[in-house]
N, C-alpha and C. Protein backbone atom coordinates (compact mmCIF):
# COMPACT_ATOMS: atom_id res chain seq x y z
N MET A 1 93.21 85.77 129.38
CA MET A 1 92.22 86.16 128.39
C MET A 1 91.13 86.99 129.08
N THR A 2 90.57 87.90 128.36
CA THR A 2 89.53 88.76 128.93
C THR A 2 88.21 88.00 128.99
N ALA A 3 87.34 88.45 129.88
CA ALA A 3 86.02 87.82 130.00
C ALA A 3 85.20 88.12 128.75
N ARG A 4 84.48 87.12 128.31
CA ARG A 4 83.66 87.26 127.11
C ARG A 4 82.36 87.98 127.45
N PRO A 5 81.97 88.97 126.64
CA PRO A 5 80.71 89.67 126.90
C PRO A 5 79.52 88.73 126.68
N PRO A 6 78.33 89.09 127.18
CA PRO A 6 77.16 88.21 127.04
C PRO A 6 76.58 88.22 125.62
N ILE A 7 77.32 87.64 124.68
CA ILE A 7 76.86 87.49 123.30
C ILE A 7 77.09 86.05 122.89
N SER A 8 76.59 85.66 121.75
CA SER A 8 76.76 84.27 121.31
C SER A 8 78.24 83.99 121.02
N HIS A 9 78.58 82.72 121.13
CA HIS A 9 79.96 82.30 120.87
C HIS A 9 80.35 82.63 119.43
N GLU A 10 79.43 82.44 118.50
CA GLU A 10 79.71 82.72 117.09
C GLU A 10 79.99 84.20 116.86
N SER A 11 79.20 85.06 117.51
CA SER A 11 79.42 86.50 117.38
C SER A 11 80.76 86.90 117.96
N PHE A 12 81.09 86.31 119.10
CA PHE A 12 82.36 86.61 119.74
C PHE A 12 83.53 86.22 118.83
N LEU A 13 83.49 85.02 118.27
CA LEU A 13 84.56 84.57 117.39
C LEU A 13 84.63 85.42 116.12
N PHE A 14 83.46 85.80 115.58
CA PHE A 14 83.44 86.65 114.40
C PHE A 14 84.11 87.99 114.69
N MET A 15 83.77 88.60 115.81
CA MET A 15 84.35 89.90 116.15
C MET A 15 85.85 89.79 116.39
N ARG A 16 86.30 88.71 117.02
CA ARG A 16 87.73 88.52 117.22
C ARG A 16 88.44 88.41 115.87
N SER A 17 87.85 87.68 114.93
CA SER A 17 88.48 87.55 113.61
C SER A 17 88.44 88.87 112.86
N GLU A 18 87.38 89.66 113.04
CA GLU A 18 87.30 90.97 112.40
C GLU A 18 88.37 91.92 112.95
N ILE A 19 88.63 91.86 114.25
CA ILE A 19 89.68 92.70 114.83
C ILE A 19 91.01 92.38 114.18
N GLU A 20 91.32 91.09 114.05
CA GLU A 20 92.58 90.68 113.43
C GLU A 20 92.64 91.10 111.96
N ARG A 21 91.55 90.90 111.23
CA ARG A 21 91.52 91.27 109.80
C ARG A 21 91.70 92.77 109.62
N LEU A 22 90.99 93.56 110.42
CA LEU A 22 91.08 95.01 110.30
C LEU A 22 92.44 95.54 110.73
N THR A 23 93.05 94.91 111.72
CA THR A 23 94.40 95.29 112.13
C THR A 23 95.38 95.04 110.98
N ASN A 24 95.26 93.89 110.33
CA ASN A 24 96.13 93.59 109.19
C ASN A 24 95.88 94.55 108.03
N GLU A 25 94.62 94.89 107.80
CA GLU A 25 94.28 95.83 106.73
C GLU A 25 94.84 97.22 107.03
N LEU A 26 94.75 97.65 108.28
CA LEU A 26 95.31 98.94 108.68
C LEU A 26 96.82 98.97 108.43
N HIS A 27 97.50 97.89 108.77
CA HIS A 27 98.95 97.82 108.54
C HIS A 27 99.25 97.93 107.04
N ALA A 28 98.50 97.21 106.22
CA ALA A 28 98.73 97.25 104.77
C ALA A 28 98.50 98.65 104.21
N VAL A 29 97.45 99.32 104.65
CA VAL A 29 97.15 100.67 104.18
C VAL A 29 98.22 101.65 104.65
N THR A 30 98.70 101.50 105.88
CA THR A 30 99.74 102.37 106.41
C THR A 30 101.04 102.22 105.61
N VAL A 31 101.41 100.98 105.32
CA VAL A 31 102.62 100.73 104.53
C VAL A 31 102.47 101.34 103.15
N ASP A 32 101.30 101.17 102.52
CA ASP A 32 101.06 101.73 101.20
C ASP A 32 101.12 103.26 101.23
N ARG A 33 100.51 103.89 102.22
CA ARG A 33 100.53 105.35 102.36
C ARG A 33 101.97 105.85 102.52
N ASP A 34 102.73 105.18 103.37
CA ASP A 34 104.11 105.60 103.61
C ASP A 34 104.96 105.46 102.34
N TYR A 35 104.73 104.39 101.58
CA TYR A 35 105.47 104.18 100.34
C TYR A 35 105.22 105.32 99.36
N TRP A 36 103.94 105.66 99.14
CA TRP A 36 103.63 106.71 98.17
C TRP A 36 104.04 108.09 98.66
N TYR A 37 103.99 108.33 99.97
CA TYR A 37 104.47 109.61 100.51
C TYR A 37 105.96 109.76 100.24
N MET A 38 106.72 108.70 100.52
CA MET A 38 108.17 108.76 100.29
C MET A 38 108.46 108.95 98.79
N LYS A 39 107.74 108.23 97.94
CA LYS A 39 107.96 108.32 96.50
C LYS A 39 107.67 109.73 95.98
N ALA A 40 106.64 110.39 96.55
CA ALA A 40 106.25 111.71 96.08
C ALA A 40 107.16 112.82 96.59
N ASN A 41 107.77 112.64 97.74
CA ASN A 41 108.48 113.74 98.39
C ASN A 41 110.00 113.62 98.43
N TYR A 42 110.55 112.47 98.07
CA TYR A 42 111.99 112.28 98.15
C TYR A 42 112.53 111.68 96.86
N THR A 43 113.77 112.01 96.52
CA THR A 43 114.41 111.44 95.34
C THR A 43 114.79 109.99 95.64
N PRO A 44 115.04 109.19 94.59
CA PRO A 44 115.47 107.81 94.82
C PRO A 44 116.74 107.72 95.68
N GLU A 45 117.65 108.68 95.50
CA GLU A 45 118.89 108.67 96.28
C GLU A 45 118.60 108.94 97.76
N GLU A 46 117.70 109.91 98.03
CA GLU A 46 117.35 110.21 99.43
C GLU A 46 116.65 109.02 100.08
N ARG A 47 115.75 108.36 99.33
CA ARG A 47 115.06 107.20 99.88
C ARG A 47 116.04 106.08 100.17
N ALA A 48 116.97 105.84 99.26
CA ALA A 48 117.96 104.78 99.47
C ALA A 48 118.80 105.07 100.71
N GLU A 49 119.19 106.33 100.90
CA GLU A 49 119.97 106.69 102.08
C GLU A 49 119.15 106.50 103.36
N MET A 50 117.87 106.89 103.33
CA MET A 50 117.01 106.72 104.52
C MET A 50 116.82 105.24 104.85
N TYR A 51 116.57 104.41 103.83
CA TYR A 51 116.40 102.98 104.08
C TYR A 51 117.69 102.37 104.61
N HIS A 52 118.83 102.83 104.08
CA HIS A 52 120.12 102.32 104.56
C HIS A 52 120.33 102.68 106.02
N ARG A 53 120.05 103.94 106.39
CA ARG A 53 120.21 104.35 107.79
C ARG A 53 119.22 103.63 108.69
N ALA A 54 117.98 103.48 108.22
CA ALA A 54 116.97 102.79 109.04
C ALA A 54 117.35 101.33 109.28
N SER A 55 117.99 100.70 108.29
CA SER A 55 118.40 99.31 108.47
C SER A 55 119.47 99.19 109.54
N LYS A 56 120.19 100.29 109.81
CA LYS A 56 121.20 100.30 110.87
C LYS A 56 120.62 100.81 112.19
N GLY A 57 119.34 101.23 112.19
CA GLY A 57 118.72 101.75 113.40
C GLY A 57 119.00 103.22 113.63
N LEU A 58 119.27 103.97 112.55
CA LEU A 58 119.59 105.39 112.68
C LEU A 58 118.49 106.24 112.05
N ASP A 59 118.32 107.47 112.55
CA ASP A 59 117.35 108.38 111.92
C ASP A 59 118.03 109.14 110.79
N GLU A 60 117.34 110.12 110.22
CA GLU A 60 117.88 110.84 109.05
C GLU A 60 119.13 111.64 109.37
N ASN A 61 119.37 111.93 110.65
CA ASN A 61 120.57 112.67 111.04
C ASN A 61 121.69 111.78 111.54
N GLY A 62 121.47 110.47 111.52
CA GLY A 62 122.50 109.54 111.97
C GLY A 62 122.43 109.24 113.45
N ALA A 63 121.39 109.74 114.14
CA ALA A 63 121.23 109.47 115.58
C ALA A 63 120.53 108.13 115.77
N TRP A 64 120.84 107.47 116.88
CA TRP A 64 120.24 106.17 117.18
C TRP A 64 118.75 106.34 117.43
N LEU A 65 117.91 105.50 116.79
CA LEU A 65 116.46 105.64 116.89
C LEU A 65 115.89 105.17 118.22
N TRP A 66 116.55 104.22 118.86
CA TRP A 66 115.98 103.59 120.05
C TRP A 66 116.73 104.04 121.30
N PRO A 67 116.06 104.06 122.44
CA PRO A 67 116.77 104.39 123.69
C PRO A 67 117.85 103.36 123.99
N ASP A 68 118.83 103.75 124.78
CA ASP A 68 119.94 102.84 125.10
C ASP A 68 119.46 101.55 125.75
N SER A 69 118.34 101.60 126.45
CA SER A 69 117.85 100.41 127.15
C SER A 69 117.44 99.29 126.19
N VAL A 70 117.16 99.61 124.91
CA VAL A 70 116.78 98.56 123.96
C VAL A 70 117.85 98.34 122.90
N ARG A 71 118.99 98.96 123.05
CA ARG A 71 120.07 98.79 122.07
C ARG A 71 120.53 97.34 122.07
N THR A 72 120.68 96.76 120.89
CA THR A 72 121.09 95.36 120.78
C THR A 72 122.53 95.22 120.30
N THR A 73 123.16 96.33 119.94
CA THR A 73 124.56 96.29 119.52
C THR A 73 125.40 97.08 120.50
N ARG A 74 126.69 96.85 120.51
CA ARG A 74 127.56 97.57 121.45
C ARG A 74 128.28 98.70 120.78
């Protein structure tokens, strides 16, 4: 754990909880933005194909998304 700065324990705990809350909020906003971007720019068929490929770990061209060092399938 990192050293605590010279502030009150309550302030430290509040800031730690705010970091977690804001990180979660950023994730929610990012997911929402990505959803509406996909909905606005791609047909339902294109989105279904992209989600299908992503579930297999492939990009839009069918190439593997991750380097070989993290591949979990053979």
